């Protein structure tokens, strides 16, 4: 019997996407750096390397914003709920 795959919760999904994005970024930029270091690469080819690195960085930054926003939302939710609990306890005198 095979195990049924459960859908990923939002945190795990975001972390998985972010992890894959970082790994892809590292692999692709390493290749771009190797290409850029080749003395036979023309300035036009070097400009293409830079453009690709810029796009990879933009994509990674978006994933970073996604995960950072999610973490900040979790923190805000926790702190807001704690404030509500404290306010209720103070109001009830307990």
N, C-alpha and C. Protein backbone atom coordinates (compact mmCIF):
# COMPACT_ATOMS: atom_id res chain seq x y z
N UNK A 1 0.84 -1.18 0.00
CA UNK A 1 0.00 0.00 0.00
C UNK A 1 0.88 1.25 0.00
N UNK A 2 0.59 2.17 -0.86
CA UNK A 2 1.40 3.38 -0.91
C UNK A 2 0.79 4.46 -0.03
N UNK A 3 1.67 5.28 0.51
CA UNK A 3 1.19 6.37 1.35
C UNK A 3 0.59 7.46 0.48
N UNK A 4 -0.51 8.01 0.97
CA UNK A 4 -1.15 9.10 0.25
C UNK A 4 -0.40 10.39 0.58
N UNK A 5 -0.09 11.17 -0.42
CA UNK A 5 0.61 12.43 -0.18
C UNK A 5 -0.39 13.48 0.30
N UNK A 6 -0.03 14.10 1.41
CA UNK A 6 -0.85 15.18 1.95
C UNK A 6 -0.45 16.49 1.26
N UNK A 7 -1.43 17.35 1.04
CA UNK A 7 -1.07 18.65 0.47
C UNK A 7 -0.17 19.41 1.45
N UNK A 8 0.75 20.17 0.92
CA UNK A 8 1.66 20.93 1.77
C UNK A 8 0.94 22.13 2.37
N UNK A 9 1.23 22.38 3.65
CA UNK A 9 0.68 23.59 4.24
C UNK A 9 1.45 24.79 3.66
N UNK A 10 0.91 25.98 3.80
CA UNK A 10 1.54 27.15 3.15
C UNK A 10 3.01 27.35 3.55
N UNK A 11 3.34 27.13 4.81
CA UNK A 11 4.72 27.32 5.24
C UNK A 11 5.65 26.34 4.55
N UNK A 12 5.30 25.08 4.55
CA UNK A 12 6.16 24.08 3.92
C UNK A 12 6.27 24.31 2.41
N UNK A 13 5.18 24.71 1.80
CA UNK A 13 5.20 24.98 0.36
C UNK A 13 6.15 26.14 0.06
N UNK A 14 6.01 27.24 0.81
CA UNK A 14 6.88 28.40 0.60
C UNK A 14 8.34 28.06 0.85
N UNK A 15 8.60 27.29 1.89
CA UNK A 15 9.98 26.91 2.19
C UNK A 15 10.56 26.01 1.10
N UNK A 16 9.76 25.10 0.60
CA UNK A 16 10.22 24.22 -0.48
C UNK A 16 10.56 25.05 -1.73
N UNK A 17 9.64 25.94 -2.11
CA UNK A 17 9.87 26.79 -3.28
C UNK A 17 11.12 27.64 -3.08
N UNK A 18 11.27 28.21 -1.88
CA UNK A 18 12.42 29.05 -1.60
C UNK A 18 13.71 28.23 -1.65
N UNK A 19 13.70 27.05 -1.05
CA UNK A 19 14.89 26.20 -1.06
C UNK A 19 15.32 25.82 -2.46
N UNK A 20 14.36 25.45 -3.28
CA UNK A 20 14.66 25.11 -4.68
C UNK A 20 15.19 26.34 -5.41
N UNK A 21 14.61 27.49 -5.15
CA UNK A 21 15.06 28.73 -5.80
C UNK A 21 16.50 29.07 -5.43
N UNK A 22 16.85 28.91 -4.16
CA UNK A 22 18.22 29.20 -3.73
C UNK A 22 19.19 28.23 -4.39
N UNK A 23 18.85 26.96 -4.39
CA UNK A 23 19.72 25.95 -5.01
C UNK A 23 19.91 26.23 -6.49
N UNK A 24 18.82 26.53 -7.19
CA UNK A 24 18.91 26.87 -8.62
C UNK A 24 19.77 28.11 -8.83
N UNK A 25 19.59 29.10 -7.98
CA UNK A 25 20.37 30.33 -8.09
C UNK A 25 21.86 30.03 -7.95
N UNK A 26 22.21 29.24 -6.94
CA UNK A 26 23.62 28.91 -6.72
C UNK A 26 24.21 28.17 -7.92
N UNK A 27 23.48 27.19 -8.42
CA UNK A 27 23.97 26.41 -9.55
C UNK A 27 24.12 27.26 -10.81
N UNK A 28 23.10 28.02 -11.11
CA UNK A 28 23.11 28.81 -12.35
C UNK A 28 24.13 29.95 -12.30
N UNK A 29 24.21 30.62 -11.15
CA UNK A 29 25.18 31.72 -11.07
C UNK A 29 26.61 31.19 -11.07
N UNK A 30 26.84 30.00 -10.54
CA UNK A 30 28.18 29.41 -10.60
C UNK A 30 28.59 29.20 -12.06
N UNK A 31 27.66 28.70 -12.87
CA UNK A 31 27.94 28.52 -14.30
C UNK A 31 28.17 29.86 -15.00
N UNK A 32 27.36 30.85 -14.62
CA UNK A 32 27.52 32.18 -15.22
C UNK A 32 28.88 32.79 -14.86
N UNK A 33 29.30 32.60 -13.62
CA UNK A 33 30.61 33.13 -13.20
C UNK A 33 31.75 32.44 -13.94
N UNK A 34 31.61 31.15 -14.14
CA UNK A 34 32.63 30.42 -14.92
C UNK A 34 32.70 30.97 -16.34
N UNK A 35 31.53 31.18 -16.91
CA UNK A 35 31.47 31.71 -18.28
C UNK A 35 32.07 33.11 -18.35
N UNK A 36 31.75 33.94 -17.36
CA UNK A 36 32.26 35.32 -17.35
C UNK A 36 33.78 35.36 -17.19
N UNK A 37 34.33 34.39 -16.47
CA UNK A 37 35.77 34.36 -16.23
C UNK A 37 36.57 33.89 -17.44
N UNK A 38 35.89 33.32 -18.42
CA UNK A 38 36.56 32.84 -19.63
C UNK A 38 37.10 34.04 -20.41
N UNK A 39 38.42 34.09 -20.62
CA UNK A 39 39.01 35.24 -21.32
C UNK A 39 38.52 35.41 -22.77
N UNK A 40 37.98 34.36 -23.34
CA UNK A 40 37.52 34.45 -24.74
C UNK A 40 36.11 35.03 -24.85
N UNK A 41 35.44 35.26 -23.73
CA UNK A 41 34.08 35.80 -23.75
C UNK A 41 34.12 37.26 -24.18
N UNK A 42 33.28 37.59 -25.14
CA UNK A 42 33.21 38.97 -25.63
C UNK A 42 32.43 39.84 -24.64
N UNK A 43 32.55 41.14 -24.82
CA UNK A 43 31.79 42.06 -23.96
C UNK A 43 30.29 41.86 -24.14
N UNK A 44 29.86 41.55 -25.34
CA UNK A 44 28.44 41.29 -25.59
C UNK A 44 27.98 40.04 -24.83
N UNK A 45 28.80 39.01 -24.85
CA UNK A 45 28.48 37.78 -24.11
C UNK A 45 28.50 38.05 -22.60
N UNK A 46 29.44 38.87 -22.17
CA UNK A 46 29.51 39.23 -20.75
C UNK A 46 28.26 40.01 -20.32
N UNK A 47 27.80 40.88 -21.19
CA UNK A 47 26.56 41.63 -20.90
C UNK A 47 25.39 40.67 -20.78
N UNK A 48 25.37 39.62 -21.60
CA UNK A 48 24.31 38.61 -21.51
C UNK A 48 24.39 37.86 -20.18
N UNK A 49 25.60 37.56 -19.74
CA UNK A 49 25.80 36.90 -18.44
C UNK A 49 25.24 37.77 -17.32
N UNK A 50 25.56 39.06 -17.38
CA UNK A 50 25.07 39.99 -16.36
C UNK A 50 23.54 40.06 -16.39
N UNK A 51 22.95 40.12 -17.57
CA UNK A 51 21.49 40.17 -17.69
C UNK A 51 20.85 38.91 -17.09
N UNK A 52 21.45 37.76 -17.35
CA UNK A 52 20.92 36.52 -16.78
C UNK A 52 21.05 36.51 -15.26
N UNK A 53 22.20 36.97 -14.76
CA UNK A 53 22.40 37.03 -13.31
C UNK A 53 21.40 37.99 -12.66
N UNK A 54 21.13 39.11 -13.32
CA UNK A 54 20.14 40.05 -12.80
C UNK A 54 18.76 39.41 -12.72
N UNK A 55 18.36 38.70 -13.77
CA UNK A 55 17.04 38.07 -13.77
C UNK A 55 16.95 36.99 -12.69
N UNK A 56 18.00 36.20 -12.55
CA UNK A 56 18.01 35.17 -11.50
C UNK A 56 17.90 35.81 -10.12
N UNK A 57 18.56 36.94 -9.94
CA UNK A 57 18.52 37.64 -8.65
C UNK A 57 17.13 38.22 -8.39
N UNK A 58 16.51 38.78 -9.41
CA UNK A 58 15.14 39.30 -9.28
C UNK A 58 14.20 38.17 -8.86
N UNK A 59 14.32 37.03 -9.52
CA UNK A 59 13.45 35.88 -9.20
C UNK A 59 13.68 35.40 -7.78
N UNK A 60 14.94 35.30 -7.36
CA UNK A 60 15.24 34.85 -6.00
C UNK A 60 14.73 35.86 -4.98
N UNK A 61 14.90 37.14 -5.27
CA UNK A 61 14.41 38.17 -4.35
C UNK A 61 12.90 38.08 -4.16
N UNK A 62 12.17 37.73 -5.21
CA UNK A 62 10.72 37.58 -5.08
C UNK A 62 10.39 36.44 -4.13
N UNK A 63 11.09 35.33 -4.26
CA UNK A 63 10.86 34.19 -3.36
C UNK A 63 11.21 34.58 -1.92
N UNK A 64 12.29 35.35 -1.75
CA UNK A 64 12.68 35.80 -0.42
C UNK A 64 11.61 36.71 0.18
N UNK A 65 11.06 37.61 -0.65
CA UNK A 65 9.97 38.47 -0.17
C UNK A 65 8.76 37.64 0.23
N UNK A 66 8.46 36.60 -0.54
CA UNK A 66 7.32 35.74 -0.22
C UNK A 66 7.49 35.09 1.15
N UNK A 67 8.66 34.50 1.39
CA UNK A 67 8.87 33.80 2.65
C UNK A 67 8.98 34.78 3.81
N UNK A 68 9.63 35.93 3.58
CA UNK A 68 9.74 36.94 4.64
C UNK A 68 8.36 37.47 5.01
N UNK A 69 7.53 37.74 4.02
CA UNK A 69 6.17 38.21 4.29
C UNK A 69 5.37 37.19 5.08
N UNK A 70 5.53 35.93 4.74
CA UNK A 70 4.82 34.87 5.46
C UNK A 70 5.26 34.80 6.92
N UNK A 71 6.56 34.87 7.15
CA UNK A 71 7.08 34.83 8.52
C UNK A 71 6.58 36.04 9.30
N UNK A 72 6.61 37.22 8.71
CA UNK A 72 6.12 38.41 9.40
C UNK A 72 4.63 38.31 9.72
N UNK A 73 3.85 37.74 8.80
CA UNK A 73 2.42 37.53 9.07
C UNK A 73 2.22 36.58 10.25
N UNK A 74 2.99 35.51 10.30
CA UNK A 74 2.90 34.56 11.42
C UNK A 74 3.23 35.25 12.74
N UNK A 75 4.28 36.04 12.73
CA UNK A 75 4.67 36.76 13.95
C UNK A 75 3.59 37.74 14.38
N UNK A 76 3.06 38.50 13.42
CA UNK A 76 2.02 39.48 13.75
C UNK A 76 0.77 38.79 14.29
N UNK A 77 0.40 37.67 13.69
CA UNK A 77 -0.76 36.92 14.16
C UNK A 77 -0.56 36.47 15.59
N UNK A 78 0.61 35.91 15.88
CA UNK A 78 0.89 35.43 17.23
C UNK A 78 0.85 36.57 18.23
N UNK A 79 1.52 37.67 17.92
CA UNK A 79 1.56 38.80 18.85
C UNK A 79 0.19 39.44 19.03
N UNK A 80 -0.58 39.55 17.97
CA UNK A 80 -1.94 40.10 18.08
C UNK A 80 -2.82 39.23 18.95
N UNK A 81 -2.72 37.93 18.76
CA UNK A 81 -3.52 37.01 19.57
C UNK A 81 -3.11 37.06 21.03
N UNK A 82 -1.81 37.17 21.29
CA UNK A 82 -1.35 37.30 22.67
C UNK A 82 -1.85 38.59 23.30
N UNK A 83 -1.84 39.68 22.54
CA UNK A 83 -2.37 40.95 23.04
C UNK A 83 -3.84 40.81 23.41
N UNK A 84 -4.61 40.15 22.56
CA UNK A 84 -6.03 39.94 22.84
C UNK A 84 -6.23 39.12 24.11
N UNK A 85 -5.45 38.07 24.27
CA UNK A 85 -5.56 37.22 25.47
C UNK A 85 -5.24 38.04 26.71
N UNK A 86 -4.17 38.82 26.66
CA UNK A 86 -3.79 39.64 27.81
C UNK A 86 -4.87 40.67 28.11
N UNK A 87 -5.40 41.32 27.07
CA UNK A 87 -6.45 42.33 27.27
C UNK A 87 -7.69 41.71 27.91
N UNK A 88 -8.09 40.51 27.46
CA UNK A 88 -9.25 39.83 28.05
C UNK A 88 -8.99 39.48 29.50
N UNK A 89 -7.79 38.99 29.79
CA UNK A 89 -7.45 38.61 31.16
C UNK A 89 -7.45 39.83 32.07
N UNK A 90 -6.93 40.93 31.58
CA UNK A 90 -6.92 42.16 32.39
C UNK A 90 -8.33 42.66 32.62
N UNK A 91 -9.16 42.59 31.57
CA UNK A 91 -10.54 43.07 31.68
C UNK A 91 -11.34 42.23 32.66
N UNK A 92 -11.05 40.94 32.70
CA UNK A 92 -11.80 40.05 33.60
C UNK A 92 -11.20 40.03 35.00
N UNK A 93 -10.04 40.66 35.17
CA UNK A 93 -9.42 40.72 36.49
C UNK A 93 -8.69 39.46 36.89
N UNK A 94 -8.44 38.57 35.93
CA UNK A 94 -7.73 37.33 36.31
C UNK A 94 -6.34 37.28 35.76
